[in-house]
């Protein structure tokens, strides 16, 4: 069995505002970083992770991208193709919040899109709100000077 490209990131969400009245909170979170071409392997090999079914942690294709049942990788590659950036569909890393025991709150998903040599060429930011609306923004990455 080879190593996984996918991983878990742990972090902290912090919010503080001063007006109209002071309010602040901080809590721990985790997100998955998934190689989109590895999701089915994770589904087969990890007992507590599933794709398109319930589990402790799961990813449902309809929760990401358009509401279709196409795979998240296919959806991202379609967006790249529409923008003329299909060469950056060789490796796509998706960072998102998974469903936990069937419940999902995923305000933002980020897709890092790379070419065959591993060069980051595009990033897709997918923003969701509490009304079920979802919008994707594809940004072409540029070399820093």
Protein backbone atom coordinates (compact mmCIF):
# COMPACT_ATOMS: atom_id res chain seq x y z
CA UNK A 1 0.00 0.00 0.00
CA UNK A 2 1.47 3.36 -1.02
CA UNK A 3 1.16 6.53 1.04
CA UNK A 4 -1.82 8.81 0.64
CA UNK A 5 -1.53 12.25 -0.95
CA UNK A 6 -4.57 13.37 1.03
CA UNK A 7 -4.35 14.60 4.63
CA UNK A 8 -6.16 16.36 7.48
CA UNK A 9 -5.45 19.95 8.49
CA UNK A 10 -6.23 21.14 12.02
CA UNK A 11 -6.72 24.80 12.87
CA UNK A 12 -8.61 27.42 14.82
CA UNK A 13 -11.36 29.77 13.69
CA UNK A 14 -11.18 33.13 15.45
CA UNK A 15 -13.67 35.98 15.21
CA UNK A 16 -13.68 39.30 17.03
CA UNK A 17 -15.73 42.44 16.50
CA UNK A 18 -15.89 45.65 18.46
CA UNK A 19 -19.13 47.19 17.17
CA UNK A 20 -22.02 47.48 17.51
CA UNK A 21 -21.08 45.63 20.70
CA UNK A 22 -18.00 43.56 21.48
CA UNK A 23 -18.22 39.90 20.57
CA UNK A 24 -15.61 37.22 20.04
CA UNK A 25 -15.19 33.49 19.77
CA UNK A 26 -12.58 30.90 18.95
CA UNK A 27 -12.97 27.21 18.20
CA UNK A 28 -10.97 24.33 16.81
CA UNK A 29 -11.71 22.98 13.34
CA UNK A 30 -10.31 20.50 10.87
CA UNK A 31 -10.49 20.28 7.10
CA UNK A 32 -9.61 17.57 4.63
CA UNK A 33 -7.10 18.07 1.87
CA UNK A 34 -8.09 15.52 -0.74
CA UNK A 35 -6.41 14.55 -3.97
CA UNK A 36 -9.61 14.36 -6.06
CA UNK A 37 -8.32 11.27 -7.87
CA UNK A 38 -7.71 9.52 -4.54
CA UNK A 39 -11.21 9.91 -3.05
CA UNK A 40 -12.44 6.51 -4.25
CA UNK A 41 -9.30 4.83 -2.84
CA UNK A 42 -9.89 6.53 0.53
CA UNK A 43 -13.51 5.31 0.40
CA UNK A 44 -12.33 1.73 -0.14
CA UNK A 45 -9.46 1.69 2.36
CA UNK A 46 -10.55 3.89 5.27
CA UNK A 47 -13.29 2.49 7.47
CA UNK A 48 -14.51 5.88 8.78
CA UNK A 49 -14.52 7.76 5.44
CA UNK A 50 -17.01 7.40 2.58
CA UNK A 51 -17.83 8.96 -0.76
CA UNK A 52 -21.53 9.52 -1.51
CA UNK A 53 -22.73 7.56 1.57
CA UNK A 54 -23.05 8.18 5.26
CA UNK A 55 -20.14 7.62 7.63
CA UNK A 56 -18.30 9.40 10.41
CA UNK A 57 -16.65 11.52 7.69
CA UNK A 58 -17.88 11.68 4.11
CA UNK A 59 -17.74 13.64 0.90
CA UNK A 60 -20.78 13.87 -1.35
CA UNK A 61 -20.21 14.99 -4.93
CA UNK A 62 -23.46 16.98 -4.94
CA UNK A 63 -22.16 19.06 -1.98
CA UNK A 64 -19.39 20.47 -4.17
CA UNK A 65 -19.44 22.28 -7.51
CA UNK A 66 -22.76 22.19 -9.32
CA UNK A 67 -25.47 20.04 -7.76
CA UNK A 68 -24.89 17.18 -10.20
CA UNK A 69 -23.65 13.73 -9.24
CA UNK A 70 -20.52 14.09 -11.41
CA UNK A 71 -17.31 13.60 -9.42
CA UNK A 72 -15.72 16.66 -7.84
CA UNK A 73 -12.66 16.07 -10.02
CA UNK A 74 -14.74 16.04 -13.21
CA UNK A 75 -16.52 19.24 -12.17
CA UNK A 76 -13.24 21.05 -11.44
CA UNK A 77 -11.70 19.84 -14.71
CA UNK A 78 -14.77 21.06 -16.61
CA UNK A 79 -14.32 24.55 -15.12
CA UNK A 80 -10.63 24.48 -16.03
CA UNK A 81 -11.49 23.42 -19.60
CA UNK A 82 -14.07 26.20 -19.99
CA UNK A 83 -11.35 28.70 -19.00
CA UNK A 84 -8.76 27.19 -21.37
CA UNK A 85 -6.71 25.94 -18.40
CA UNK A 86 -7.23 22.18 -18.80
CA UNK A 87 -3.46 21.54 -18.53
CA UNK A 88 -3.82 22.33 -14.80
CA UNK A 89 -6.17 19.40 -14.25
CA UNK A 90 -3.33 16.86 -13.89
CA UNK A 91 -3.47 17.03 -10.09
CA UNK A 92 -6.22 18.73 -8.12
CA UNK A 93 -6.13 19.07 -4.33
CA UNK A 94 -9.43 19.96 -2.69
CA UNK A 95 -9.44 21.53 0.78
CA UNK A 96 -12.91 21.44 2.33
CA UNK A 97 -14.91 20.52 5.37
CA UNK A 98 -16.35 17.01 5.11
CA UNK A 99 -19.77 15.86 6.22
CA UNK A 100 -19.58 14.70 9.84
CA UNK A 101 -22.18 12.07 10.71
CA UNK A 102 -24.18 13.29 7.71
CA UNK A 103 -24.12 16.99 8.55
CA UNK A 104 -22.20 19.47 6.43
CA UNK A 105 -21.20 23.10 6.86
CA UNK A 106 -18.73 24.00 4.15
CA UNK A 107 -18.64 27.77 3.58
CA UNK A 108 -15.58 27.59 1.35
CA UNK A 109 -13.82 24.90 -0.63
CA UNK A 110 -10.52 25.55 -2.37
CA UNK A 111 -9.18 23.54 -5.30
CA UNK A 112 -5.44 23.80 -6.04
CA UNK A 113 -4.96 22.83 -9.70
CA UNK A 114 -1.55 21.71 -11.00
CA UNK A 115 -0.03 20.63 -14.30
CA UNK A 116 1.95 17.43 -14.94
CA UNK A 117 5.13 18.95 -13.47
CA UNK A 118 3.35 19.99 -10.27
CA UNK A 119 3.23 23.71 -11.16
CA UNK A 120 0.25 25.46 -9.55
CA UNK A 121 -1.62 27.12 -12.42
CA UNK A 122 -5.12 27.78 -11.10
CA UNK A 123 -7.12 27.96 -7.90
CA UNK A 124 -10.87 27.50 -7.70
CA UNK A 125 -12.59 29.13 -4.74
CA UNK A 126 -16.07 27.75 -4.16
CA UNK A 127 -18.18 29.77 -1.74
CA UNK A 128 -21.43 28.46 -0.21
CA UNK A 129 -23.94 30.25 1.97
CA UNK A 130 -26.57 29.12 4.44
CA UNK A 131 -29.31 29.43 1.77
CA UNK A 132 -27.81 26.60 -0.31
CA UNK A 133 -26.34 28.93 -2.92
CA UNK A 134 -22.88 28.10 -4.29
CA UNK A 135 -20.56 30.11 -6.56
CA UNK A 136 -17.17 29.19 -7.96
CA UNK A 137 -14.38 31.64 -8.78
CA UNK A 138 -11.52 30.35 -10.93
CA UNK A 139 -8.30 32.34 -10.56
CA UNK A 140 -5.31 31.72 -12.78
CA UNK A 141 -2.17 31.52 -10.65
CA UNK A 142 0.89 33.45 -11.76
CA UNK A 143 4.57 33.08 -11.05
CA UNK A 144 5.78 35.41 -8.30
CA UNK A 145 8.71 37.58 -9.25
